[in-house]
Amino acid sequence: MYLARVTKIITASETHPAYKAKRVFVVQPVLPDGSDTGSEQVAVDYVGSGIGDTVVCGGAPGVARDVFRLKQAPIRTLIMAIVEKIDIAAKGRSGGQSLIDD
């Protein structure tokens, strides 16, 4: 699993049946401080996220097939959670800094 920011909506006139009635986004992996890391990925939304949201992404063989109850699911990455807040505590101190504003 990894943190990412939803950056773009993907639309297509023809898709695999597994994508029917599902929102597909481009996500940018990010570090806990919000800075970009790695390459953009295509992800299928499972939780109602939108552009600009920080999300938890991931997937493993068969996960999308099980989640969406499909025989075949050519889906590699799922958006599995919308992040409301990230607290990073300084080493040896309690508390922390919120990195996502509500």
PDB file of N, CA and C in Angstrom:
ATOM      1  N   MET A   1       0.844  -1.175   0.000  1.00  0.00           N
ATOM      2  CA  MET A   1       0.000   0.000   0.000  1.00  0.00           C
ATOM      3  C   MET A   1       0.886   1.234   0.000  1.00  0.00           C
ATOM      4  N   TYR A   2       0.327   2.324  -0.530  1.00  0.00           N
ATOM      5  CA  TYR A   2       1.070   3.572  -0.555  1.00  0.00           C
ATOM      6  C   TYR A   2       0.117   4.753  -0.564  1.00  0.00           C
ATOM      7  N   LEU A   3       0.636   5.908  -0.157  1.00  0.00           N
ATOM      8  CA  LEU A   3      -0.129   7.152  -0.211  1.00  0.00           C
ATOM      9  C   LEU A   3      -0.025   7.733  -1.608  1.00  0.00           C
ATOM     10  N   ALA A   4      -1.096   8.363  -2.066  1.00  0.00           N
ATOM     11  CA  ALA A   4      -1.085   9.012  -3.372  1.00  0.00           C
ATOM     12  C   ALA A   4      -2.065  10.178  -3.354  1.00  0.00           C
ATOM     13  N   ARG A   5      -1.906  11.054  -4.329  1.00  0.00           N
ATOM     14  CA  ARG A   5      -2.832  12.167  -4.526  1.00  0.00           C
ATOM     15  C   ARG A   5      -3.543  11.935  -5.856  1.00  0.00           C
ATOM     16  N   VAL A   6      -4.866  12.046  -5.853  1.00  0.00           N
ATOM     17  CA  VAL A   6      -5.646  11.891  -7.086  1.00  0.00           C
ATOM     18  C   VAL A   6      -5.432  13.136  -7.938  1.00  0.00           C
ATOM     19  N   THR A   7      -4.950  12.952  -9.178  1.00  0.00           N
ATOM     20  CA  THR A   7      -4.587  14.099 -10.010  1.00  0.00           C
ATOM     21  C   THR A   7      -5.442  14.277 -11.267  1.00  0.00           C
ATOM     22  N   LYS A   8      -5.954  13.188 -11.816  1.00  0.00           N
ATOM     23  CA  LYS A   8      -6.692  13.284 -13.084  1.00  0.00           C
ATOM     24  C   LYS A   8      -7.780  12.218 -13.143  1.00  0.00           C
ATOM     25  N   ILE A   9      -8.834  12.522 -13.902  1.00  0.00           N
ATOM     26  CA  ILE A   9      -9.893  11.556 -14.197  1.00  0.00           C
ATOM     27  C   ILE A   9      -9.599  10.952 -15.562  1.00  0.00           C
ATOM     28  N   ILE A  10      -9.784   9.653 -15.688  1.00  0.00           N
ATOM     29  CA  ILE A  10      -9.639   8.988 -16.979  1.00  0.00           C
ATOM     30  C   ILE A  10     -11.030   8.678 -17.512  1.00  0.00           C
ATOM     31  N   THR A  11     -11.276   9.059 -18.749  1.00  0.00           N
ATOM     32  CA  THR A  11     -12.528   8.703 -19.410  1.00  0.00           C
ATOM     33  C   THR A  11     -12.195   7.918 -20.674  1.00  0.00           C
ATOM     34  N   ALA A  12     -13.049   6.993 -21.012  1.00  0.00           N
ATOM     35  CA  ALA A  12     -12.841   6.179 -22.209  1.00  0.00           C
ATOM     36  C   ALA A  12     -14.191   5.783 -22.785  1.00  0.00           C
ATOM     37  N   SER A  13     -14.269   5.758 -24.105  1.00  0.00           N
ATOM     38  CA  SER A  13     -15.531   5.386 -24.745  1.00  0.00           C
ATOM     39  C   SER A  13     -15.710   3.868 -24.803  1.00  0.00           C
ATOM     40  N   GLU A  14     -14.627   3.131 -24.842  1.00  0.00           N
ATOM     41  CA  GLU A  14     -14.678   1.667 -24.862  1.00  0.00           C
ATOM     42  C   GLU A  14     -13.789   1.144 -23.733  1.00  0.00           C
ATOM     43  N   THR A  15     -14.331   0.265 -22.902  1.00  0.00           N
ATOM     44  CA  THR A  15     -13.550  -0.284 -21.795  1.00  0.00           C
ATOM     45  C   THR A  15     -13.860  -1.765 -21.603  1.00  0.00           C
ATOM     46  N   HIS A  16     -13.019  -2.412 -20.850  1.00  0.00           N
ATOM     47  CA  HIS A  16     -13.270  -3.789 -20.426  1.00  0.00           C
ATOM     48  C   HIS A  16     -14.502  -3.771 -19.524  1.00  0.00           C
ATOM     49  N   PRO A  17     -15.341  -4.800 -19.575  1.00  0.00           N
ATOM     50  CA  PRO A  17     -16.532  -4.828 -18.710  1.00  0.00           C
ATOM     51  C   PRO A  17     -16.237  -4.636 -17.222  1.00  0.00           C
ATOM     52  N   ALA A  18     -15.034  -4.965 -16.774  1.00  0.00           N
ATOM     53  CA  ALA A  18     -14.675  -4.795 -15.363  1.00  0.00           C
ATOM     54  C   ALA A  18     -14.698  -3.328 -14.938  1.00  0.00           C
ATOM     55  N   TYR A  19     -14.588  -2.410 -15.894  1.00  0.00           N
ATOM     56  CA  TYR A  19     -14.565  -0.977 -15.577  1.00  0.00           C
ATOM     57  C   TYR A  19     -15.949  -0.330 -15.618  1.00  0.00           C
ATOM     58  N   LYS A  20     -16.967  -1.090 -15.971  1.00  0.00           N
ATOM     59  CA  LYS A  20     -18.318  -0.537 -16.073  1.00  0.00           C
ATOM     60  C   LYS A  20     -18.763   0.063 -14.737  1.00  0.00           C
ATOM     61  N   ALA A  21     -19.232   1.292 -14.788  1.00  0.00           N
ATOM     62  CA  ALA A  21     -19.752   2.022 -13.612  1.00  0.00           C
ATOM     63  C   ALA A  21     -18.693   2.256 -12.534  1.00  0.00           C
ATOM     64  N   LYS A  22     -17.427   2.290 -12.923  1.00  0.00           N
ATOM     65  CA  LYS A  22     -16.358   2.568 -11.963  1.00  0.00           C
ATOM     66  C   LYS A  22     -15.592   3.805 -12.408  1.00  0.00           C
ATOM     67  N   ARG A  23     -15.125   4.583 -11.447  1.00  0.00           N
ATOM     68  CA  ARG A  23     -14.317   5.764 -11.748  1.00  0.00           C
ATOM     69  C   ARG A  23     -12.855   5.371 -11.762  1.00  0.00           C
ATOM     70  N   VAL A  24     -12.168   5.835 -12.797  1.00  0.00           N
ATOM     71  CA  VAL A  24     -10.752   5.518 -12.960  1.00  0.00           C
ATOM     72  C   VAL A  24      -9.976   6.827 -12.910  1.00  0.00           C
ATOM     73  N   PHE A  25      -8.914   6.848 -12.108  1.00  0.00           N
ATOM     74  CA  PHE A  25      -8.123   8.061 -11.901  1.00  0.00           C
ATOM     75  C   PHE A  25      -6.654   7.808 -12.170  1.00  0.00           C
ATOM     76  N   VAL A  26      -5.927   8.890 -12.370  1.00  0.00           N
ATOM     77  CA  VAL A  26      -4.473   8.875 -12.307  1.00  0.00           C
ATOM     78  C   VAL A  26      -4.127   9.355 -10.907  1.00  0.00           C
ATOM     79  N   VAL A  27      -3.225   8.623 -10.246  1.00  0.00           N
ATOM     80  CA  VAL A  27      -2.785   9.011  -8.910  1.00  0.00           C
ATOM     81  C   VAL A  27      -1.274   9.193  -8.918  1.00  0.00           C
ATOM     82  N   GLN A  28      -0.818  10.167  -8.142  1.00  0.00           N
ATOM     83  CA  GLN A  28       0.608  10.447  -7.983  1.00  0.00           C
ATOM     84  C   GLN A  28       1.035   9.971  -6.606  1.00  0.00           C
ATOM     85  N   PRO A  29       1.902   8.960  -6.527  1.00  0.00           N
ATOM     86  CA  PRO A  29       2.397   8.552  -5.205  1.00  0.00           C
ATOM     87  C   PRO A  29       3.056   9.734  -4.487  1.00  0.00           C
ATOM     88  N   VAL A  30       2.818   9.816  -3.181  1.00  0.00           N
ATOM     89  CA  VAL A  30       3.371  10.910  -2.382  1.00  0.00           C
ATOM     90  C   VAL A  30       3.973  10.353  -1.095  1.00  0.00           C
ATOM     91  N   LEU A  31       4.878  11.127  -0.525  1.00  0.00           N
ATOM     92  CA  LEU A  31       5.437  10.829   0.789  1.00  0.00           C
ATOM     93  C   LEU A  31       4.479  11.374   1.851  1.00  0.00           C
ATOM     94  N   PRO A  32       4.627  10.981   3.111  1.00  0.00           N
ATOM     95  CA  PRO A  32       3.748  11.500   4.154  1.00  0.00           C
ATOM     96  C   PRO A  32       3.738  13.020   4.256  1.00  0.00           C
ATOM     97  N   ASP A  33       4.817  13.697   3.817  1.00  0.00           N
ATOM     98  CA  ASP A  33       4.821  15.161   3.848  1.00  0.00           C
ATOM     99  C   ASP A  33       4.117  15.778   2.645  1.00  0.00           C
ATOM    100  N   GLY A  34       3.589  14.935   1.742  1.00  0.00           N
ATOM    101  CA  GLY A  34       2.844  15.416   0.586  1.00  0.00           C
ATOM    102  C   GLY A  34       3.673  15.600  -0.667  1.00  0.00           C
ATOM    103  N   SER A  35       4.979  15.430  -0.587  1.00  0.00           N
ATOM    104  CA  SER A  35       5.814  15.617  -1.772  1.00  0.00           C
ATOM    105  C   SER A  35       5.727  14.387  -2.687  1.00  0.00           C
ATOM    106  N   ASP A  36       5.797  14.648  -4.000  1.00  0.00           N
ATOM    107  CA  ASP A  36       5.694  13.583  -4.992  1.00  0.00           C
ATOM    108  C   ASP A  36       6.862  12.612  -4.898  1.00  0.00           C
ATOM    109  N   THR A  37       6.568  11.355  -5.203  1.00  0.00           N
ATOM    110  CA  THR A  37       7.603  10.331  -5.275  1.00  0.00           C
ATOM    111  C   THR A  37       7.163   9.290  -6.293  1.00  0.00           C
ATOM    112  N   GLY A  38       8.051   8.841  -7.127  1.00  0.00           N
ATOM    113  CA  GLY A  38       7.711   7.811  -8.095  1.00  0.00           C
ATOM    114  C   GLY A  38       6.865   8.298  -9.248  1.00  0.00           C
ATOM    115  N   SER A  39       6.388   7.357 -10.035  1.00  0.00           N
ATOM    116  CA  SER A  39       5.627   7.639 -11.255  1.00  0.00           C
ATOM    117  C   SER A  39       4.124   7.570 -11.006  1.00  0.00           C
ATOM    118  N   GLU A  40       3.377   8.312 -11.815  1.00  0.00           N
ATOM    119  CA  GLU A  40       1.923   8.260 -11.737  1.00  0.00           C
ATOM    120  C   GLU A  40       1.432   6.850 -12.058  1.00  0.00           C
ATOM    121  N   GLN A  41       0.296   6.493 -11.473  1.00  0.00           N
ATOM    122  CA  GLN A  41      -0.316   5.184 -11.668  1.00  0.00           C
ATOM    123  C   GLN A  41      -1.792   5.362 -12.031  1.00  0.00           C
ATOM    124  N   VAL A  42      -2.353   4.361 -12.662  1.00  0.00           N
ATOM    125  CA  VAL A  42      -3.789   4.325 -12.916  1.00  0.00           C
ATOM    126  C   VAL A  42      -4.423   3.508 -11.804  1.00  0.00           C
ATOM    127  N   ALA A  43      -5.517   4.032 -11.223  1.00  0.00           N
ATOM    128  CA  ALA A  43      -6.171   3.339 -10.110  1.00  0.00           C
ATOM    129  C   ALA A  43      -7.684   3.418 -10.249  1.00  0.00           C
ATOM    130  N   VAL A  44      -8.357   2.363  -9.847  1.00  0.00           N
ATOM    131  CA  VAL A  44      -9.816   2.312  -9.847  1.00  0.00           C
ATOM    132  C   VAL A  44     -10.298   2.683  -8.454  1.00  0.00           C
ATOM    133  N   ASP A  45     -11.237   3.623  -8.400  1.00  0.00           N
ATOM    134  CA  ASP A  45     -11.760   4.113  -7.126  1.00  0.00           C
ATOM    135  C   ASP A  45     -12.752   3.123  -6.526  1.00  0.00           C
ATOM    136  N   TYR A  46     -12.609   2.882  -5.226  1.00  0.00           N
ATOM    137  CA  TYR A  46     -13.491   1.977  -4.495  1.00  0.00           C
ATOM    138  C   TYR A  46     -14.203   2.695  -3.347  1.00  0.00           C
ATOM    139  N   VAL A  47     -13.851   3.983  -3.129  1.00  0.00           N
ATOM    140  CA  VAL A  47     -14.335   4.656  -1.925  1.00  0.00           C
ATOM    141  C   VAL A  47     -14.962   6.032  -2.156  1.00  0.00           C
ATOM    142  N   GLY A  48     -15.057   6.496  -3.400  1.00  0.00           N
ATOM    143  CA  GLY A  48     -15.672   7.800  -3.651  1.00  0.00           C
ATOM    144  C   GLY A  48     -14.716   8.968  -3.570  1.00  0.00           C
ATOM    145  N   SER A  49     -13.469   8.758  -3.927  1.00  0.00           N
ATOM    146  CA  SER A  49     -12.481   9.844  -3.877  1.00  0.00           C
ATOM    147  C   SER A  49     -12.655  10.787  -5.060  1.00  0.00           C
ATOM    148  N   GLY A  50     -11.938  11.901  -5.013  1.00  0.00           N
ATOM    149  CA  GLY A  50     -12.011  12.892  -6.072  1.00  0.00           C
ATOM    150  C   GLY A  50     -10.674  13.579  -6.281  1.00  0.00           C
ATOM    151  N   ILE A  51     -10.615  14.421  -7.291  1.00  0.00           N
ATOM    152  CA  ILE A  51      -9.395  15.144  -7.619  1.00  0.00           C
ATOM    153  C   ILE A  51      -8.897  15.911  -6.388  1.00  0.00           C
ATOM    154  N   GLY A  52      -7.603  15.790  -6.111  1.00  0.00           N
ATOM    155  CA  GLY A  52      -6.981  16.486  -4.993  1.00  0.00           C
ATOM    156  C   GLY A  52      -6.954  15.703  -3.697  1.00  0.00           C
ATOM    157  N   ASP A  53      -7.747  14.640  -3.600  1.00  0.00           N
ATOM    158  CA  ASP A  53      -7.748  13.849  -2.366  1.00  0.00           C
ATOM    159  C   ASP A  53      -6.431  13.106  -2.197  1.00  0.00           C
ATOM    160  N   THR A  54      -5.986  12.987  -0.953  1.00  0.00           N
ATOM    161  CA  THR A  54      -4.891  12.088  -0.620  1.00  0.00           C
ATOM    162  C   THR A  54      -5.541  10.765  -0.270  1.00  0.00           C
ATOM    163  N   VAL A  55      -5.039   9.691  -0.866  1.00  0.00           N
ATOM    164  CA  VAL A  55      -5.681   8.386  -0.743  1.00  0.00           C
ATOM    165  C   VAL A  55      -4.656   7.304  -0.418  1.00  0.00           C
ATOM    166  N   VAL A  56      -5.163   6.160   0.014  1.00  0.00           N
ATOM    167  CA  VAL A  56      -4.342   4.968   0.184  1.00  0.00           C
ATOM    168  C   VAL A  56      -4.634   4.068  -1.010  1.00  0.00           C
ATOM    169  N   CYS A  57      -3.577   3.687  -1.726  1.00  0.00           N
ATOM    170  CA  CYS A  57      -3.707   2.824  -2.902  1.00  0.00           C
ATOM    171  C   CYS A  57      -2.994   1.505  -2.647  1.00  0.00           C
ATOM    172  N   GLY A  58      -3.410   0.510  -3.377  1.00  0.00           N
ATOM    173  CA  GLY A  58      -2.731  -0.767  -3.294  1.00  0.00           C
ATOM    174  C   GLY A  58      -3.464  -1.807  -4.096  1.00  0.00           C
ATOM    175  N   GLY A  59      -3.002  -2.991  -3.982  1.00  0.00           N
ATOM    176  CA  GLY A  59      -3.617  -4.099  -4.689  1.00  0.00           C
ATOM    177  C   GLY A  59      -2.683  -5.279  -4.688  1.00  0.00           C
ATOM    178  N   ALA A  60      -3.232  -6.418  -4.875  1.00  0.00           N
ATOM    179  CA  ALA A  60      -2.473  -7.659  -4.971  1.00  0.00           C
ATOM    180  C   ALA A  60      -3.237  -8.543  -5.941  1.00  0.00           C
ATOM    181  N   PRO A  61      -2.611  -9.555  -6.477  1.00  0.00           N
ATOM    182  CA  PRO A  61      -3.318 -10.425  -7.412  1.00  0.00           C
ATOM    183  C   PRO A  61      -4.637 -10.928  -6.826  1.00  0.00           C
ATOM    184  N   GLY A  62      -5.712 -10.710  -7.552  1.00  0.00           N
ATOM    185  CA  GLY A  62      -7.023 -11.192  -7.141  1.00  0.00           C
ATOM    186  C   GLY A  62      -7.829 -10.262  -6.266  1.00  0.00           C
ATOM    187  N   VAL A  63      -7.235  -9.210  -5.740  1.00  0.00           N
ATOM    188  CA  VAL A  63      -7.964  -8.324  -4.825  1.00  0.00           C
ATOM    189  C   VAL A  63      -9.126  -7.642  -5.542  1.00  0.00           C
ATOM    190  N   ALA A  64      -8.888  -7.027  -6.691  1.00  0.00           N
ATOM    191  CA  ALA A  64      -9.956  -6.340  -7.426  1.00  0.00           C
ATOM    192  C   ALA A  64     -11.049  -7.329  -7.824  1.00  0.00           C
ATOM    193  N   ARG A  65     -10.659  -8.522  -8.216  1.00  0.00           N
ATOM    194  CA  ARG A  65     -11.641  -9.545  -8.592  1.00  0.00           C
ATOM    195  C   ARG A  65     -12.563  -9.838  -7.406  1.00  0.00           C
ATOM    196  N   ASP A  66     -11.986  -9.964  -6.219  1.00  0.00           N
ATOM    197  CA  ASP A  66     -12.787 -10.247  -5.030  1.00  0.00           C
ATOM    198  C   ASP A  66     -13.630  -9.051  -4.598  1.00  0.00           C
ATOM    199  N   VAL A  67     -13.041  -7.861  -4.611  1.00  0.00           N
ATOM    200  CA  VAL A  67     -13.741  -6.649  -4.172  1.00  0.00           C
ATOM    201  C   VAL A  67     -14.956  -6.360  -5.052  1.00  0.00           C
ATOM    202  N   PHE A  68     -14.768  -6.473  -6.360  1.00  0.00           N
ATOM    203  CA  PHE A  68     -15.838  -6.134  -7.291  1.00  0.00           C
ATOM    204  C   PHE A  68     -16.644  -7.355  -7.746  1.00  0.00           C
ATOM    205  N   ARG A  69     -16.309  -8.526  -7.216  1.00  0.00           N
ATOM    206  CA  ARG A  69     -17.012  -9.783  -7.541  1.00  0.00           C
ATOM    207  C   ARG A  69     -17.066 -10.021  -9.048  1.00  0.00           C
ATOM    208  N   LEU A  70     -15.884 -10.046  -9.658  1.00  0.00           N
ATOM    209  CA  LEU A  70     -15.763 -10.249 -11.101  1.00  0.00           C
ATOM    210  C   LEU A  70     -14.981 -11.526 -11.387  1.00  0.00           C
ATOM    211  N   LYS A  71     -15.300 -12.170 -12.523  1.00  0.00           N
ATOM    212  CA  LYS A  71     -14.521 -13.341 -12.924  1.00  0.00           C
ATOM    213  C   LYS A  71     -13.144 -12.934 -13.400  1.00  0.00           C
ATOM    214  N   GLN A  72     -13.085 -11.829 -14.159  1.00  0.00           N
ATOM    215  CA  GLN A  72     -11.812 -11.286 -14.630  1.00  0.00           C
ATOM    216  C   GLN A  72     -11.780  -9.809 -14.280  1.00  0.00           C
ATOM    217  N   ALA A  73     -10.685  -9.369 -13.724  1.00  0.00           N
ATOM    218  CA  ALA A  73     -10.554  -7.965 -13.342  1.00  0.00           C
ATOM    219  C   ALA A  73      -9.156  -7.473 -13.707  1.00  0.00           C
ATOM    220  N   PRO A  74      -9.002  -6.883 -14.893  1.00  0.00           N
ATOM    221  CA  PRO A  74      -7.690  -6.351 -15.281  1.00  0.00           C
ATOM    222  C   PRO A  74      -7.425  -5.017 -14.581  1.00  0.00           C
ATOM    223  N   ILE A  75      -7.434  -5.070 -13.269  1.00  0.00           N
ATOM    224  CA  ILE A  75      -7.267  -3.881 -12.430  1.00  0.00           C
ATOM    225  C   ILE A  75      -6.092  -4.146 -11.511  1.00  0.00           C
ATOM    226  N   ARG A  76      -5.078  -3.324 -11.609  1.00  0.00           N
ATOM    227  CA  ARG A  76      -3.874  -3.539 -10.797  1.00  0.00           C
ATOM    228  C   ARG A  76      -3.913  -2.783  -9.475  1.00  0.00           C
ATOM    229  N   THR A  77      -4.424  -1.541  -9.514  1.00  0.00           N
ATOM    230  CA  THR A  77      -4.365  -0.683  -8.328  1.00  0.00           C
ATOM    231  C   THR A  77      -5.757  -0.194  -7.959  1.00  0.00           C
ATOM    232  N   LEU A  78      -6.085  -0.288  -6.691  1.00  0.00           N
ATOM    233  CA  LEU A  78      -7.353   0.212  -6.153  1.00  0.00           C
ATOM    234  C   LEU A  78      -7.091   1.403  -5.237  1.00  0.00           C
ATOM    235  N   ILE A  79      -7.999   2.363  -5.268  1.00  0.00           N
ATOM    236  CA  ILE A  79      -8.023   3.416  -4.249  1.00  0.00           C
ATOM    237  C   ILE A  79      -8.897   2.852  -3.135  1.00  0.00           C
ATOM    238  N   MET A  80      -8.271   2.621  -1.957  1.00  0.00           N
ATOM    239  CA  MET A  80      -8.936   1.890  -0.890  1.00  0.00           C
ATOM    240  C   MET A  80      -9.362   2.743   0.298  1.00  0.00           C
ATOM    241  N   ALA A  81      -8.856   3.971   0.397  1.00  0.00           N
ATOM    242  CA  ALA A  81      -9.220   4.828   1.530  1.00  0.00           C
ATOM    243  C   ALA A  81      -8.905   6.276   1.177  1.00  0.00           C
ATOM    244  N   ILE A  82      -9.691   7.176   1.723  1.00  0.00           N
ATOM    245  CA  ILE A  82      -9.428   8.612   1.613  1.00  0.00           C
ATOM    246  C   ILE A  82      -8.801   9.043   2.931  1.00  0.00           C
ATOM    247  N   VAL A  83      -7.630   9.661   2.853  1.00  0.00           N
ATOM    248  CA  VAL A  83      -6.893  10.071   4.051  1.00  0.00           C
ATOM    249  C   VAL A  83      -7.450  11.404   4.541  1.00  0.00           C
ATOM    250  N   GLU A  84      -7.836  11.441   5.794  1.00  0.00           N
ATOM    251  CA  GLU A  84      -8.335  12.678   6.386  1.00  0.00           C
ATOM    252  C   GLU A  84      -7.227  13.487   7.035  1.00  0.00           C
ATOM    253  N   LYS A  85      -6.259  12.789   7.613  1.00  0.00           N
ATOM    254  CA  LYS A  85      -5.224  13.492   8.358  1.00  0.00           C
ATOM    255  C   LYS A  85      -4.000  12.601   8.475  1.00  0.00           C
ATOM    256  N   ILE A  86      -2.827  13.209   8.386  1.00  0.00           N
ATOM    257  CA  ILE A  86      -1.573  12.499   8.634  1.00  0.00           C
ATOM    258  C   ILE A  86      -0.849  13.251   9.735  1.00  0.00           C
ATOM    259  N   ASP A  87      -0.540  12.559  10.805  1.00  0.00           N
ATOM    260  CA  ASP A  87       0.235  13.153  11.898  1.00  0.00           C
ATOM    261  C   ASP A  87       1.627  12.560  11.870  1.00  0.00           C
ATOM    262  N   ILE A  88       2.608  13.421  11.845  1.00  0.00           N
ATOM    263  CA  ILE A  88       3.983  12.969  11.914  1.00  0.00           C
ATOM    264  C   ILE A  88       4.563  13.500  13.212  1.00  0.00           C
ATOM    265  N   ALA A  89       4.876  12.587  14.120  1.00  0.00           N
ATOM    266  CA  ALA A  89       5.434  12.990  15.411  1.00  0.00           C
ATOM    267  C   ALA A  89       6.947  13.110  15.288  1.00  0.00           C
ATOM    268  N   ALA A  90       7.484  14.138  15.929  1.00  0.00           N
ATOM    269  CA  ALA A  90       8.940  14.280  15.983  1.00  0.00           C
ATOM    270  C   ALA A  90       9.502  13.132  16.810  1.00  0.00           C
ATOM    271  N   LYS A  91      10.663  12.643  16.446  1.00  0.00           N
ATOM    272  CA  LYS A  91      11.263  11.508  17.144  1.00  0.00           C
ATOM    273  C   LYS A  91      11.446  11.839  18.630  1.00  0.00           C
ATOM    274  N   GLY A  92      10.910  10.965  19.473  1.00  0.00           N
ATOM    275  CA  GLY A  92      11.063  11.137  20.909  1.00  0.00           C
ATOM    276  C   GLY A  92      10.085  12.122  21.532  1.00  0.00           C
ATOM    277  N   ARG A  93       9.163  12.667  20.738  1.00  0.00           N
ATOM    278  CA  ARG A  93       8.184  13.617  21.277  1.00  0.00           C
ATOM    279  C   ARG A  93       6.787  13.147  20.940  1.00  0.00           C
ATOM    280  N   SER A  94       5.861  13.471  21.804  1.00  0.00           N
ATOM    281  CA  SER A  94       4.481  13.140  21.491  1.00  0.00           C
ATOM    282  C   SER A  94       3.883  14.280  20.681  1.00  0.00           C
ATOM    283  N   GLY A  95       2.736  14.019  20.110  1.00  0.00           N
ATOM    284  CA  GLY A  95       2.115  15.029  19.248  1.00  0.00           C
ATOM    285  C   GLY A  95       2.691  14.946  17.867  1.00  0.00           C
ATOM    286  N   GLY A  96       2.422  15.929  17.057  1.00  0.00           N
ATOM    287  CA  GLY A  96       2.943  15.898  15.704  1.00  0.00           C
ATOM    288  C   GLY A  96       2.404  17.044  14.890  1.00  0.00           C
ATOM    289  N   GLN A  97       2.707  16.978  13.638  1.00  0.00           N
ATOM    290  CA  GLN A  97       2.291  18.017  12.705  1.00  0.00           C
ATOM    291  C   GLN A  97       1.270  17.408  11.753  1.00  0.00           C
ATOM    292  N   SER A  98       0.099  18.033  11.625  1.00  0.00           N
ATOM    293  CA  SER A  98      -0.896  17.581  10.671  1.00  0.00           C
ATOM    294  C   SER A  98      -0.485  18.041   9.288  1.00  0.00           C
ATOM    295  N   LEU A  99      -0.469  17.115   8.343  1.00  0.00           N
ATOM    296  CA  LEU A  99      -0.013  17.445   6.999  1.00  0.00           C
ATOM    297  C   LEU A  99      -1.141  17.626   6.012  1.00  0.00           C
ATOM    298  N   ILE A 100      -2.356  17.335   6.404  1.00  0.00           N
ATOM    299  CA  ILE A 100      -3.511  17.521   5.530  1.00  0.00           C
ATOM    300  C   ILE A 100      -4.500  18.397   6.263  1.00  0.00           C
ATOM    301  N   ASP A 101      -4.881  19.498   5.654  1.00  0.00           N
ATOM    302  CA  ASP A 101      -5.855  20.391   6.267  1.00  0.00           C
ATOM    303  C   ASP A 101      -7.258  19.935   5.931  1.00  0.00           C
ATOM    304  N   ASP A 102      -8.154  20.005   6.909  1.00  0.00           N
ATOM    305  CA  ASP A 102      -9.553  19.646   6.671  1.00  0.00           C
ATOM    306  C   ASP A 102     -10.308  20.825   6.147  1.00  0.00           C
TER     307      ASP A 102
END
